[in-house]
Amino acid sequence: MDFNSILIGSADPQRLADYYTKLFGAPAMSEGGYTGWAIGSGWLTIGPHDQVTGQNAQPGRLIWNIETADVQGEFDRMKAAGAIVVREPYGFDGGPDVSIATLADPDHNYFQLMTPMEPTPTD
């Protein structure tokens, strides 16, 4: 199997498309109300959804991640472009070389920038 994308449904997909365009640049795809960006080997797609209204009441329920070797640099670039900051870059115990920053979109969906993590070998 191969996970390849996330679709974020919205009652106002154009507002989200405009927001993510500020952060990621021109979309690679825009058709039929759906807008998408290739990020690494995966896709972020925004589109209309009739079961979605207003802001996400539980933004921590699902958080999608973008790996980057330069969390602080990408964070600074996105913040300057108008990103909604939930938490500035931080590290955590047991991962001294790991950094994570949490951002949100106008519908209050969370996403994170994070240092790439190698899988831990198993015996």
PDB file of N, CA and C in Angstrom:
ATOM      1  N   MET A   1       0.836  -1.173   0.000  1.00  0.00           N
ATOM      2  CA  MET A   1       0.000   0.000   0.000  1.00  0.00           C
ATOM      3  C   MET A   1       0.884   1.241   0.000  1.00  0.00           C
ATOM      4  N   ASP A   2       0.288   2.367  -0.408  1.00  0.00           N
ATOM      5  CA  ASP A   2       1.003   3.635  -0.422  1.00  0.00           C
ATOM      6  C   ASP A   2       0.005   4.760  -0.169  1.00  0.00           C
ATOM      7  N   PHE A   3       0.160   5.446   0.948  1.00  0.00           N
ATOM      8  CA  PHE A   3      -0.689   6.596   1.243  1.00  0.00           C
ATOM      9  C   PHE A   3      -0.285   7.714   0.300  1.00  0.00           C
ATOM     10  N   ASN A   4      -1.267   8.335  -0.401  1.00  0.00           N
ATOM     11  CA  ASN A   4      -0.868   9.321  -1.395  1.00  0.00           C
ATOM     12  C   ASN A   4      -1.470  10.706  -1.242  1.00  0.00           C
ATOM     13  N   SER A   5      -2.509  10.887  -0.413  1.00  0.00           N
ATOM     14  CA  SER A   5      -3.095  12.224  -0.365  1.00  0.00           C
ATOM     15  C   SER A   5      -4.017  12.402   0.834  1.00  0.00           C
ATOM     16  N   ILE A   6      -4.361  13.668   1.055  1.00  0.00           N
ATOM     17  CA  ILE A   6      -5.385  14.010   2.025  1.00  0.00           C
ATOM     18  C   ILE A   6      -6.320  15.002   1.346  1.00  0.00           C
ATOM     19  N   LEU A   7      -7.608  14.822   1.525  1.00  0.00           N
ATOM     20  CA  LEU A   7      -8.623  15.726   0.998  1.00  0.00           C
ATOM     21  C   LEU A   7      -9.255  16.436   2.188  1.00  0.00           C
ATOM     22  N   ILE A   8      -9.224  17.762   2.158  1.00  0.00           N
ATOM     23  CA  ILE A   8      -9.857  18.553   3.211  1.00  0.00           C
ATOM     24  C   ILE A   8     -11.138  19.134   2.628  1.00  0.00           C
ATOM     25  N   GLY A   9     -12.269  18.689   3.160  1.00  0.00           N
ATOM     26  CA  GLY A   9     -13.560  19.195   2.728  1.00  0.00           C
ATOM     27  C   GLY A   9     -13.883  20.485   3.454  1.00  0.00           C
ATOM     28  N   SER A  10     -14.579  21.378   2.763  1.00  0.00           N
ATOM     29  CA  SER A  10     -14.911  22.669   3.357  1.00  0.00           C
ATOM     30  C   SER A  10     -16.208  23.199   2.771  1.00  0.00           C
ATOM     31  N   ALA A  11     -16.927  23.965   3.582  1.00  0.00           N
ATOM     32  CA  ALA A  11     -18.096  24.676   3.077  1.00  0.00           C
ATOM     33  C   ALA A  11     -17.661  25.875   2.238  1.00  0.00           C
ATOM     34  N   ASP A  12     -16.408  26.292   2.396  1.00  0.00           N
ATOM     35  CA  ASP A  12     -15.854  27.417   1.640  1.00  0.00           C
ATOM     36  C   ASP A  12     -14.476  27.024   1.098  1.00  0.00           C
ATOM     37  N   PRO A  13     -14.439  26.092   0.137  1.00  0.00           N
ATOM     38  CA  PRO A  13     -13.145  25.594  -0.347  1.00  0.00           C
ATOM     39  C   PRO A  13     -12.283  26.669  -1.007  1.00  0.00           C
ATOM     40  N   GLN A  14     -12.893  27.691  -1.592  1.00  0.00           N
ATOM     41  CA  GLN A  14     -12.081  28.723  -2.226  1.00  0.00           C
ATOM     42  C   GLN A  14     -11.265  29.500  -1.198  1.00  0.00           C
ATOM     43  N   ARG A  15     -11.842  29.728  -0.031  1.00  0.00           N
ATOM     44  CA  ARG A  15     -11.102  30.413   1.034  1.00  0.00           C
ATOM     45  C   ARG A  15      -9.875  29.606   1.435  1.00  0.00           C
ATOM     46  N   LEU A  16     -10.031  28.281   1.555  1.00  0.00           N
ATOM     47  CA  LEU A  16      -8.888  27.436   1.889  1.00  0.00           C
ATOM     48  C   LEU A  16      -7.893  27.380   0.740  1.00  0.00           C
ATOM     49  N   ALA A  17      -8.386  27.306  -0.488  1.00  0.00           N
ATOM     50  CA  ALA A  17      -7.485  27.288  -1.650  1.00  0.00           C
ATOM     51  C   ALA A  17      -6.652  28.569  -1.687  1.00  0.00           C
ATOM     52  N   ASP A  18      -7.266  29.699  -1.429  1.00  0.00           N
ATOM     53  CA  ASP A  18      -6.525  30.965  -1.401  1.00  0.00           C
ATOM     54  C   ASP A  18      -5.465  30.955  -0.301  1.00  0.00           C
ATOM     55  N   TYR A  19      -5.819  30.434   0.864  1.00  0.00           N
ATOM     56  CA  TYR A  19      -4.891  30.370   1.992  1.00  0.00           C
ATOM     57  C   TYR A  19      -3.698  29.476   1.666  1.00  0.00           C
ATOM     58  N   TYR A  20      -3.971  28.256   1.201  1.00  0.00           N
ATOM     59  CA  TYR A  20      -2.875  27.332   0.920  1.00  0.00           C
ATOM     60  C   TYR A  20      -2.034  27.793  -0.268  1.00  0.00           C
ATOM     61  N   THR A  21      -2.600  28.538  -1.188  1.00  0.00           N
ATOM     62  CA  THR A  21      -1.821  29.100  -2.292  1.00  0.00           C
ATOM     63  C   THR A  21      -0.788  30.088  -1.749  1.00  0.00           C
ATOM     64  N   LYS A  22      -1.146  30.851  -0.723  1.00  0.00           N
ATOM     65  CA  LYS A  22      -0.179  31.764  -0.102  1.00  0.00           C
ATOM     66  C   LYS A  22       0.982  30.985   0.512  1.00  0.00           C
ATOM     67  N   LEU A  23       0.710  29.800   1.035  1.00  0.00           N
ATOM     68  CA  LEU A  23       1.745  29.021   1.712  1.00  0.00           C
ATOM     69  C   LEU A  23       2.552  28.139   0.763  1.00  0.00           C
ATOM     70  N   PHE A  24       1.877  27.517  -0.220  1.00  0.00           N
ATOM     71  CA  PHE A  24       2.525  26.520  -1.068  1.00  0.00           C
ATOM     72  C   PHE A  24       2.722  26.956  -2.516  1.00  0.00           C
ATOM     73  N   GLY A  25       2.230  28.135  -2.876  1.00  0.00           N
ATOM     74  CA  GLY A  25       2.355  28.598  -4.254  1.00  0.00           C
ATOM     75  C   GLY A  25       1.188  28.142  -5.102  1.00  0.00           C
ATOM     76  N   ALA A  26       1.307  28.357  -6.388  1.00  0.00           N
ATOM     77  CA  ALA A  26       0.222  28.012  -7.311  1.00  0.00           C
ATOM     78  C   ALA A  26      -0.097  26.519  -7.237  1.00  0.00           C
ATOM     79  N   PRO A  27      -1.378  26.167  -7.225  1.00  0.00           N
ATOM     80  CA  PRO A  27      -1.750  24.758  -7.162  1.00  0.00           C
ATOM     81  C   PRO A  27      -1.351  24.021  -8.443  1.00  0.00           C
ATOM     82  N   ALA A  28      -1.065  22.748  -8.295  1.00  0.00           N
ATOM     83  CA  ALA A  28      -0.726  21.903  -9.440  1.00  0.00           C
ATOM     84  C   ALA A  28      -1.985  21.447 -10.169  1.00  0.00           C
ATOM     85  N   MET A  29      -3.147  21.559  -9.501  1.00  0.00           N
ATOM     86  CA  MET A  29      -4.405  21.098 -10.065  1.00  0.00           C
ATOM     87  C   MET A  29      -5.537  21.965  -9.537  1.00  0.00           C
ATOM     88  N   SER A  30      -6.450  22.343 -10.420  1.00  0.00           N
ATOM     89  CA  SER A  30      -7.649  23.059 -10.015  1.00  0.00           C
ATOM     90  C   SER A  30      -8.731  22.740 -11.038  1.00  0.00           C
ATOM     91  N   GLU A  31      -9.719  21.955 -10.588  1.00  0.00           N
ATOM     92  CA  GLU A  31     -10.751  21.504 -11.517  1.00  0.00           C
ATOM     93  C   GLU A  31     -12.007  21.090 -10.762  1.00  0.00           C
ATOM     94  N   GLY A  32     -13.155  21.530 -11.237  1.00  0.00           N
ATOM     95  CA  GLY A  32     -14.434  21.104 -10.675  1.00  0.00           C
ATOM     96  C   GLY A  32     -14.620  21.458  -9.219  1.00  0.00           C
ATOM     97  N   GLY A  33     -14.036  22.567  -8.759  1.00  0.00           N
ATOM     98  CA  GLY A  33     -14.172  22.962  -7.362  1.00  0.00           C
ATOM     99  C   GLY A  33     -13.108  22.380  -6.457  1.00  0.00           C
ATOM    100  N   TYR A  34     -12.216  21.557  -6.991  1.00  0.00           N
ATOM    101  CA  TYR A  34     -11.143  20.942  -6.217  1.00  0.00           C
ATOM    102  C   TYR A  34      -9.810  21.579  -6.606  1.00  0.00           C
ATOM    103  N   THR A  35      -8.971  21.820  -5.599  1.00  0.00           N
ATOM    104  CA  THR A  35      -7.673  22.439  -5.803  1.00  0.00           C
ATOM    105  C   THR A  35      -6.641  21.586  -5.082  1.00  0.00           C
ATOM    106  N   GLY A  36      -5.494  21.337  -5.741  1.00  0.00           N
ATOM    107  CA  GLY A  36      -4.505  20.461  -5.126  1.00  0.00           C
ATOM    108  C   GLY A  36      -3.069  20.889  -5.342  1.00  0.00           C
ATOM    109  N   TRP A  37      -2.243  20.519  -4.373  1.00  0.00           N
ATOM    110  CA  TRP A  37      -0.810  20.778  -4.400  1.00  0.00           C
ATOM    111  C   TRP A  37      -0.073  19.472  -4.193  1.00  0.00           C
ATOM    112  N   ALA A  38       0.951  19.231  -5.005  1.00  0.00           N
ATOM    113  CA  ALA A  38       1.848  18.102  -4.778  1.00  0.00           C
ATOM    114  C   ALA A  38       2.861  18.557  -3.737  1.00  0.00           C
ATOM    115  N   ILE A  39       2.955  17.814  -2.654  1.00  0.00           N
ATOM    116  CA  ILE A  39       3.919  18.096  -1.592  1.00  0.00           C
ATOM    117  C   ILE A  39       4.737  16.824  -1.419  1.00  0.00           C
ATOM    118  N   GLY A  40       5.961  16.846  -1.889  1.00  0.00           N
ATOM    119  CA  GLY A  40       6.761  15.621  -1.891  1.00  0.00           C
ATOM    120  C   GLY A  40       6.095  14.616  -2.803  1.00  0.00           C
ATOM    121  N   SER A  41       5.882  13.409  -2.310  1.00  0.00           N
ATOM    122  CA  SER A  41       5.244  12.371  -3.126  1.00  0.00           C
ATOM    123  C   SER A  41       3.738  12.295  -2.893  1.00  0.00           C
ATOM    124  N   GLY A  42       3.201  13.163  -2.052  1.00  0.00           N
ATOM    125  CA  GLY A  42       1.771  13.144  -1.755  1.00  0.00           C
ATOM    126  C   GLY A  42       1.071  14.405  -2.220  1.00  0.00           C
ATOM    127  N   TRP A  43      -0.231  14.422  -2.006  1.00  0.00           N
ATOM    128  CA  TRP A  43      -1.070  15.546  -2.446  1.00  0.00           C
ATOM    129  C   TRP A  43      -1.910  16.066  -1.302  1.00  0.00           C
ATOM    130  N   LEU A  44      -2.083  17.379  -1.289  1.00  0.00           N
ATOM    131  CA  LEU A  44      -3.073  18.051  -0.457  1.00  0.00           C
ATOM    132  C   LEU A  44      -4.138  18.552  -1.417  1.00  0.00           C
ATOM    133  N   THR A  45      -5.374  18.158  -1.197  1.00  0.00           N
ATOM    134  CA  THR A  45      -6.472  18.598  -2.043  1.00  0.00           C
ATOM    135  C   THR A  45      -7.551  19.228  -1.172  1.00  0.00           C
ATOM    136  N   ILE A  46      -8.102  20.332  -1.654  1.00  0.00           N
ATOM    137  CA  ILE A  46      -9.192  21.041  -0.985  1.00  0.00           C
ATOM    138  C   ILE A  46     -10.408  20.954  -1.884  1.00  0.00           C
ATOM    139  N   GLY A  47     -11.571  20.707  -1.310  1.00  0.00           N
ATOM    140  CA  GLY A  47     -12.772  20.659  -2.126  1.00  0.00           C
ATOM    141  C   GLY A  47     -14.034  20.849  -1.306  1.00  0.00           C
ATOM    142  N   PRO A  48     -15.147  21.022  -1.993  1.00  0.00           N
ATOM    143  CA  PRO A  48     -16.424  21.192  -1.290  1.00  0.00           C
ATOM    144  C   PRO A  48     -16.878  19.873  -0.667  1.00  0.00           C
ATOM    145  N   HIS A  49     -17.610  19.982   0.423  1.00  0.00           N
ATOM    146  CA  HIS A  49     -18.190  18.791   1.043  1.00  0.00           C
ATOM    147  C   HIS A  49     -19.489  19.181   1.718  1.00  0.00           C
ATOM    148  N   ASP A  50     -20.579  18.512   1.364  1.00  0.00           N
ATOM    149  CA  ASP A  50     -21.897  18.895   1.867  1.00  0.00           C
ATOM    150  C   ASP A  50     -22.122  18.530   3.336  1.00  0.00           C
ATOM    151  N   GLN A  51     -21.214  17.771   3.942  1.00  0.00           N
ATOM    152  CA  GLN A  51     -21.360  17.411   5.349  1.00  0.00           C
ATOM    153  C   GLN A  51     -20.470  18.249   6.263  1.00  0.00           C
ATOM    154  N   VAL A  52     -19.867  19.304   5.711  1.00  0.00           N
ATOM    155  CA  VAL A  52     -18.949  20.137   6.472  1.00  0.00           C
ATOM    156  C   VAL A  52     -19.494  21.559   6.537  1.00  0.00           C
ATOM    157  N   THR A  53     -19.544  22.115   7.741  1.00  0.00           N
ATOM    158  CA  THR A  53     -19.944  23.512   7.924  1.00  0.00           C
ATOM    159  C   THR A  53     -19.042  24.141   8.970  1.00  0.00           C
ATOM    160  N   GLY A  54     -18.771  25.413   8.828  1.00  0.00           N
ATOM    161  CA  GLY A  54     -18.024  26.163   9.831  1.00  0.00           C
ATOM    162  C   GLY A  54     -16.621  25.657  10.065  1.00  0.00           C
ATOM    163  N   GLN A  55     -16.072  26.050  11.224  1.00  0.00           N
ATOM    164  CA  GLN A  55     -14.721  25.645  11.590  1.00  0.00           C
ATOM    165  C   GLN A  55     -14.720  24.280  12.241  1.00  0.00           C
ATOM    166  N   ASN A  56     -13.568  23.626  12.166  1.00  0.00           N
ATOM    167  CA  ASN A  56     -13.357  22.332  12.788  1.00  0.00           C
ATOM    168  C   ASN A  56     -13.408  22.502  14.309  1.00  0.00           C
ATOM    169  N   ALA A  57     -14.340  21.839  14.961  1.00  0.00           N
ATOM    170  CA  ALA A  57     -14.503  21.971  16.407  1.00  0.00           C
ATOM    171  C   ALA A  57     -13.459  21.179  17.187  1.00  0.00           C
ATOM    172  N   GLN A  58     -12.794  20.216  16.529  1.00  0.00           N
ATOM    173  CA  GLN A  58     -11.776  19.399  17.195  1.00  0.00           C
ATOM    174  C   GLN A  58     -10.529  19.305  16.309  1.00  0.00           C
ATOM    175  N   PRO A  59      -9.792  20.396  16.184  1.00  0.00           N
ATOM    176  CA  PRO A  59      -8.673  20.419  15.243  1.00  0.00           C
ATOM    177  C   PRO A  59      -7.551  19.443  15.566  1.00  0.00           C
ATOM    178  N   GLY A  60      -7.447  19.000  16.798  1.00  0.00           N
ATOM    179  CA  GLY A  60      -6.409  18.041  17.162  1.00  0.00           C
ATOM    180  C   GLY A  60      -6.746  16.600  16.818  1.00  0.00           C
ATOM    181  N   ARG A  61      -7.957  16.346  16.370  1.00  0.00           N
ATOM    182  CA  ARG A  61      -8.374  14.972  16.061  1.00  0.00           C
ATOM    183  C   ARG A  61      -7.577  14.395  14.898  1.00  0.00           C
ATOM    184  N   LEU A  62      -7.335  15.191  13.887  1.00  0.00           N
ATOM    185  CA  LEU A  62      -6.570  14.759  12.724  1.00  0.00           C
ATOM    186  C   LEU A  62      -5.577  15.859  12.370  1.00  0.00           C
ATOM    187  N   ILE A  63      -4.293  15.541  12.441  1.00  0.00           N
ATOM    188  CA  ILE A  63      -3.241  16.500  12.111  1.00  0.00           C
ATOM    189  C   ILE A  63      -2.389  15.868  11.024  1.00  0.00           C
ATOM    190  N   TRP A  64      -2.233  16.597   9.920  1.00  0.00           N
ATOM    191  CA  TRP A  64      -1.377  16.066   8.852  1.00  0.00           C
ATOM    192  C   TRP A  64      -0.026  16.755   8.915  1.00  0.00           C
ATOM    193  N   ASN A  65       1.021  16.040   8.499  1.00  0.00           N
ATOM    194  CA  ASN A  65       2.392  16.488   8.688  1.00  0.00           C
ATOM    195  C   ASN A  65       3.137  16.639   7.375  1.00  0.00           C
ATOM    196  N   ILE A  66       4.024  17.622   7.335  1.00  0.00           N
ATOM    197  CA  ILE A  66       4.926  17.839   6.217  1.00  0.00           C
ATOM    198  C   ILE A  66       6.342  17.741   6.779  1.00  0.00           C
ATOM    199  N   GLU A  67       7.142  16.835   6.249  1.00  0.00           N
ATOM    200  CA  GLU A  67       8.529  16.730   6.677  1.00  0.00           C
ATOM    201  C   GLU A  67       9.394  17.747   5.941  1.00  0.00           C
ATOM    202  N   THR A  68      10.314  18.351   6.677  1.00  0.00           N
ATOM    203  CA  THR A  68      11.291  19.262   6.093  1.00  0.00           C
ATOM    204  C   THR A  68      12.538  19.266   6.965  1.00  0.00           C
ATOM    205  N   ALA A  69      13.695  19.319   6.323  1.00  0.00           N
ATOM    206  CA  ALA A  69      14.948  19.384   7.059  1.00  0.00           C
ATOM    207  C   ALA A  69      15.132  20.761   7.695  1.00  0.00           C
ATOM    208  N   ASP A  70      14.343  21.751   7.269  1.00  0.00           N
ATOM    209  CA  ASP A  70      14.464  23.118   7.779  1.00  0.00           C
ATOM    210  C   ASP A  70      13.124  23.597   8.345  1.00  0.00           C
ATOM    211  N   VAL A  71      12.737  23.031   9.485  1.00  0.00           N
ATOM    212  CA  VAL A  71      11.457  23.385  10.103  1.00  0.00           C
ATOM    213  C   VAL A  71      11.396  24.883  10.385  1.00  0.00           C
ATOM    214  N   GLN A  72      12.444  25.432  10.992  1.00  0.00           N
ATOM    215  CA  GLN A  72      12.419  26.858  11.344  1.00  0.00           C
ATOM    216  C   GLN A  72      12.322  27.726  10.092  1.00  0.00           C
ATOM    217  N   GLY A  73      13.089  27.414   9.066  1.00  0.00           N
ATOM    218  CA  GLY A  73      13.061  28.205   7.838  1.00  0.00           C
ATOM    219  C   GLY A  73      11.711  28.156   7.142  1.00  0.00           C
ATOM    220  N   GLU A  74      11.120  26.964   7.030  1.00  0.00           N
ATOM    221  CA  GLU A  74       9.797  26.830   6.397  1.00  0.00           C
ATOM    222  C   GLU A  74       8.728  27.494   7.250  1.00  0.00           C
ATOM    223  N   PHE A  75       8.860  27.352   8.572  1.00  0.00           N
ATOM    224  CA  PHE A  75       7.923  28.010   9.473  1.00  0.00           C
ATOM    225  C   PHE A  75       7.973  29.526   9.274  1.00  0.00           C
ATOM    226  N   ASP A  76       9.180  30.079   9.262  1.00  0.00           N
ATOM    227  CA  ASP A  76       9.330  31.525   9.090  1.00  0.00           C
ATOM    228  C   ASP A  76       8.738  31.982   7.755  1.00  0.00           C
ATOM    229  N   ARG A  77       8.984  31.205   6.684  1.00  0.00           N
ATOM    230  CA  ARG A  77       8.460  31.547   5.364  1.00  0.00           C
ATOM    231  C   ARG A  77       6.935  31.519   5.359  1.00  0.00           C
ATOM    232  N   MET A  78       6.350  30.475   5.938  1.00  0.00           N
ATOM    233  CA  MET A  78       4.890  30.361   5.968  1.00  0.00           C
ATOM    234  C   MET A  78       4.260  31.424   6.870  1.00  0.00           C
ATOM    235  N   LYS A  79       4.891  31.701   7.990  1.00  0.00           N
ATOM    236  CA  LYS A  79       4.378  32.740   8.892  1.00  0.00           C
ATOM    237  C   LYS A  79       4.371  34.087   8.175  1.00  0.00           C
ATOM    238  N   ALA A  80       5.442  34.393   7.445  1.00  0.00           N
ATOM    239  CA  ALA A  80       5.513  35.653   6.697  1.00  0.00           C
ATOM    240  C   ALA A  80       4.455  35.705   5.593  1.00  0.00           C
ATOM    241  N   ALA A  81       4.048  34.527   5.077  1.00  0.00           N
ATOM    242  CA  ALA A  81       3.032  34.455   4.023  1.00  0.00           C
ATOM    243  C   ALA A  81       1.616  34.527   4.589  1.00  0.00           C
ATOM    244  N   GLY A  82       1.483  34.547   5.933  1.00  0.00           N
ATOM    245  CA  GLY A  82       0.166  34.662   6.546  1.00  0.00           C
ATOM    246  C   GLY A  82      -0.349  33.407   7.214  1.00  0.00           C
ATOM    247  N   ALA A  83       0.528  32.424   7.462  1.00  0.00           N
ATOM    248  CA  ALA A  83       0.091  31.194   8.127  1.00  0.00           C
ATOM    249  C   ALA A  83      -0.467  31.497   9.515  1.00  0.00           C
ATOM    250  N   ILE A  84      -1.447  30.732   9.916  1.00  0.00           N
ATOM    251  CA  ILE A  84      -2.026  30.832  11.254  1.00  0.00           C
ATOM    252  C   ILE A  84      -1.193  29.943  12.174  1.00  0.00           C
ATOM    253  N   VAL A  85      -0.504  30.545  13.125  1.00  0.00           N
ATOM    254  CA  VAL A  85       0.412  29.827  14.014  1.00  0.00           C
ATOM    255  C   VAL A  85      -0.343  29.316  15.240  1.00  0.00           C
ATOM    256  N   VAL A  86      -0.244  28.014  15.466  1.00  0.00           N
ATOM    257  CA  VAL A  86      -0.786  27.405  16.676  1.00  0.00           C
ATOM    258  C   VAL A  86       0.328  27.258  17.702  1.00  0.00           C
ATOM    259  N   ARG A  87       1.498  26.780  17.226  1.00  0.00           N
ATOM    260  CA  ARG A  87       2.652  26.625  18.114  1.00  0.00           C
ATOM    261  C   ARG A  87       3.937  26.800  17.307  1.00  0.00           C
ATOM    262  N   GLU A  88       4.795  27.679  17.793  1.00  0.00           N
ATOM    263  CA  GLU A  88       6.098  27.926  17.170  1.00  0.00           C
ATOM    264  C   GLU A  88       6.929  26.644  17.238  1.00  0.00           C
ATOM    265  N   PRO A  89       7.989  26.523  16.424  1.00  0.00           N
ATOM    266  CA  PRO A  89       8.812  25.301  16.448  1.00  0.00           C
ATOM    267  C   PRO A  89       9.317  24.974  17.854  1.00  0.00           C
ATOM    268  N   TYR A  90       9.255  23.691  18.175  1.00  0.00           N
ATOM    269  CA  TYR A  90       9.696  23.202  19.473  1.00  0.00           C
ATOM    270  C   TYR A  90      10.290  21.809  19.299  1.00  0.00           C
ATOM    271  N   GLY A  91      11.079  21.388  20.272  1.00  0.00           N
ATOM    272  CA  GLY A  91      11.623  20.038  20.317  1.00  0.00           C
ATOM    273  C   GLY A  91      10.962  19.282  21.448  1.00  0.00           C
ATOM    274  N   PHE A  92      11.418  18.058  21.658  1.00  0.00           N
ATOM    275  CA  PHE A  92      10.882  17.299  22.779  1.00  0.00           C
ATOM    276  C   PHE A  92      11.927  16.319  23.283  1.00  0.00           C
ATOM    277  N   ASP A  93      11.759  15.873  24.543  1.00  0.00           N
ATOM    278  CA  ASP A  93      12.700  14.941  25.159  1.00  0.00           C
ATOM    279  C   ASP A  93      12.796  13.672  24.333  1.00  0.00           C
ATOM    280  N   GLY A  94      13.991  13.148  24.239  1.00  0.00           N
ATOM    281  CA  GLY A  94      14.197  11.909  23.494  1.00  0.00           C
ATOM    282  C   GLY A  94      14.418  12.147  22.010  1.00  0.00           C
ATOM    283  N   GLY A  95      14.266  13.361  21.567  1.00  0.00           N
ATOM    284  CA  GLY A  95      14.471  13.691  20.163  1.00  0.00           C
ATOM    285  C   GLY A  95      15.147  15.037  20.043  1.00  0.00           C
ATOM    286  N   PRO A  96      16.410  15.135  20.480  1.00  0.00           N
ATOM    287  CA  PRO A  96      17.049  16.448  20.521  1.00  0.00           C
ATOM    288  C   PRO A  96      17.206  17.113  19.146  1.00  0.00           C
ATOM    289  N   ASP A  97      17.221  16.341  18.105  1.00  0.00           N
ATOM    290  CA  ASP A  97      17.373  16.911  16.768  1.00  0.00           C
ATOM    291  C   ASP A  97      16.045  16.990  16.022  1.00  0.00           C
ATOM    292  N   VAL A  98      14.949  16.852  16.738  1.00  0.00           N
ATOM    293  CA  VAL A  98      13.625  16.868  16.128  1.00  0.00           C
ATOM    294  C   VAL A  98      12.938  18.188  16.461  1.00  0.00           C
ATOM    295  N   SER A  99      12.309  18.767  15.449  1.00  0.00           N
ATOM    296  CA  SER A  99      11.577  20.028  15.633  1.00  0.00           C
ATOM    297  C   SER A  99      10.206  19.889  14.991  1.00  0.00           C
ATOM    298  N   ILE A 100       9.209  20.468  15.636  1.00  0.00           N
ATOM    299  CA  ILE A 100       7.833  20.424  15.146  1.00  0.00           C
ATOM    300  C   ILE A 100       7.220  21.813  15.323  1.00  0.00           C
ATOM    301  N   ALA A 101       6.464  22.263  14.329  1.00  0.00           N
ATOM    302  CA  ALA A 101       5.701  23.504  14.424  1.00  0.00           C
ATOM    303  C   ALA A 101       4.275  23.193  14.001  1.00  0.00           C
ATOM    304  N   THR A 102       3.294  23.726  14.716  1.00  0.00           N
ATOM    305  CA  THR A 102       1.893  23.465  14.405  1.00  0.00           C
ATOM    306  C   THR A 102       1.246  24.726  13.853  1.00  0.00           C
ATOM    307  N   LEU A 103       0.556  24.564  12.727  1.00  0.00           N
ATOM    308  CA  LEU A 103      -0.147  25.649  12.040  1.00  0.00           C
ATOM    309  C   LEU A 103      -1.603  25.237  11.847  1.00  0.00           C
ATOM    310  N   ALA A 104      -2.427  26.175  11.427  1.00  0.00           N
ATOM    311  CA  ALA A 104      -3.840  25.893  11.177  1.00  0.00           C
ATOM    312  C   ALA A 104      -4.272  26.610   9.914  1.00  0.00           C
ATOM    313  N   ASP A 105      -5.388  26.161   9.344  1.00  0.00           N
ATOM    314  CA  ASP A 105      -5.970  26.874   8.202  1.00  0.00           C
ATOM    315  C   ASP A 105      -7.222  27.620   8.684  1.00  0.00           C
ATOM    316  N   PRO A 106      -7.851  28.399   7.835  1.00  0.00           N
ATOM    317  CA  PRO A 106      -9.018  29.179   8.267  1.00  0.00           C
ATOM    318  C   PRO A 106     -10.206  28.342   8.754  1.00  0.00           C
ATOM    319  N   ASP A 107     -10.279  27.063   8.368  1.00  0.00           N
ATOM    320  CA  ASP A 107     -11.327  26.180   8.884  1.00  0.00           C
ATOM    321  C   ASP A 107     -10.904  25.527  10.192  1.00  0.00           C
ATOM    322  N   HIS A 108      -9.736  25.866  10.686  1.00  0.00           N
ATOM    323  CA  HIS A 108      -9.175  25.386  11.950  1.00  0.00           C
ATOM    324  C   HIS A 108      -8.732  23.924  11.871  1.00  0.00           C
ATOM    325  N   ASN A 109      -8.246  23.509  10.709  1.00  0.00           N
ATOM    326  CA  ASN A 109      -7.611  22.196  10.554  1.00  0.00           C
ATOM    327  C   ASN A 109      -6.128  22.373  10.841  1.00  0.00           C
ATOM    328  N   TYR A 110      -5.548  21.477  11.638  1.00  0.00           N
ATOM    329  CA  TYR A 110      -4.146  21.585  12.007  1.00  0.00           C
ATOM    330  C   TYR A 110      -3.264  20.823  11.027  1.00  0.00           C
ATOM    331  N   PHE A 111      -2.075  21.380  10.794  1.00  0.00           N
ATOM    332  CA  PHE A 111      -1.017  20.660  10.096  1.00  0.00           C
ATOM    333  C   PHE A 111       0.301  21.057  10.727  1.00  0.00           C
ATOM    334  N   GLN A 112       1.312  20.190  10.565  1.00  0.00           N
ATOM    335  CA  GLN A 112       2.578  20.427  11.231  1.00  0.00           C
ATOM    336  C   GLN A 112       3.740  20.335  10.245  1.00  0.00           C
ATOM    337  N   LEU A 113       4.751  21.132  10.522  1.00  0.00           N
ATOM    338  CA  LEU A 113       6.048  20.987   9.887  1.00  0.00           C
ATOM    339  C   LEU A 113       6.881  20.177  10.866  1.00  0.00           C
ATOM    340  N   MET A 114       7.593  19.178  10.379  1.00  0.00           N
ATOM    341  CA  MET A 114       8.383  18.364  11.298  1.00  0.00           C
ATOM    342  C   MET A 114       9.656  17.865  10.644  1.00  0.00           C
ATOM    343  N   THR A 115      10.666  17.668  11.477  1.00  0.00           N
ATOM    344  CA  THR A 115      11.922  17.111  11.023  1.00  0.00           C
ATOM    345  C   THR A 115      11.669  15.689  10.529  1.00  0.00           C
ATOM    346  N   PRO A 116      12.285  15.315   9.392  1.00  0.00           N
ATOM    347  CA  PRO A 116      12.121  13.924   8.929  1.00  0.00           C
ATOM    348  C   PRO A 116      12.589  12.941   9.995  1.00  0.00           C
ATOM    349  N   MET A 117      11.838  11.877  10.154  1.00  0.00           N
ATOM    350  CA  MET A 117      12.175  10.845  11.129  1.00  0.00           C
ATOM    351  C   MET A 117      12.407   9.533  10.399  1.00  0.00           C
ATOM    352  N   GLU A 118      13.509   8.895  10.716  1.00  0.00           N
ATOM    353  CA  GLU A 118      13.812   7.595  10.127  1.00  0.00           C
ATOM    354  C   GLU A 118      13.099   6.520  10.939  1.00  0.00           C
ATOM    355  N   PRO A 119      12.583   5.490  10.264  1.00  0.00           N
ATOM    356  CA  PRO A 119      11.961   4.389  11.014  1.00  0.00           C
ATOM    357  C   PRO A 119      12.986   3.712  11.921  1.00  0.00           C
ATOM    358  N   THR A 120      12.542   3.300  13.097  1.00  0.00           N
ATOM    359  CA  THR A 120      13.397   2.583  14.006  1.00  0.00           C
ATOM    360  C   THR A 120      13.470   1.128  13.592  1.00  0.00           C
ATOM    361  N   PRO A 121      14.699   0.603  13.377  1.00  0.00           N
ATOM    362  CA  PRO A 121      14.812  -0.808  12.978  1.00  0.00           C
ATOM    363  C   PRO A 121      14.249  -1.719  14.064  1.00  0.00           C
ATOM    364  N   THR A 122      13.628  -2.789  13.643  1.00  0.00           N
ATOM    365  CA  THR A 122      13.105  -3.781  14.585  1.00  0.00           C
ATOM    366  C   THR A 122      13.870  -5.073  14.395  1.00  0.00           C
ATOM    367  N   ASP A 123      13.999  -5.827  15.462  1.00  0.00           N
ATOM    368  CA  ASP A 123      14.721  -7.123  15.389  1.00  0.00           C
ATOM    369  C   ASP A 123      13.821  -8.210  14.907  1.00  0.00           C
TER     370      ASP A 123
END
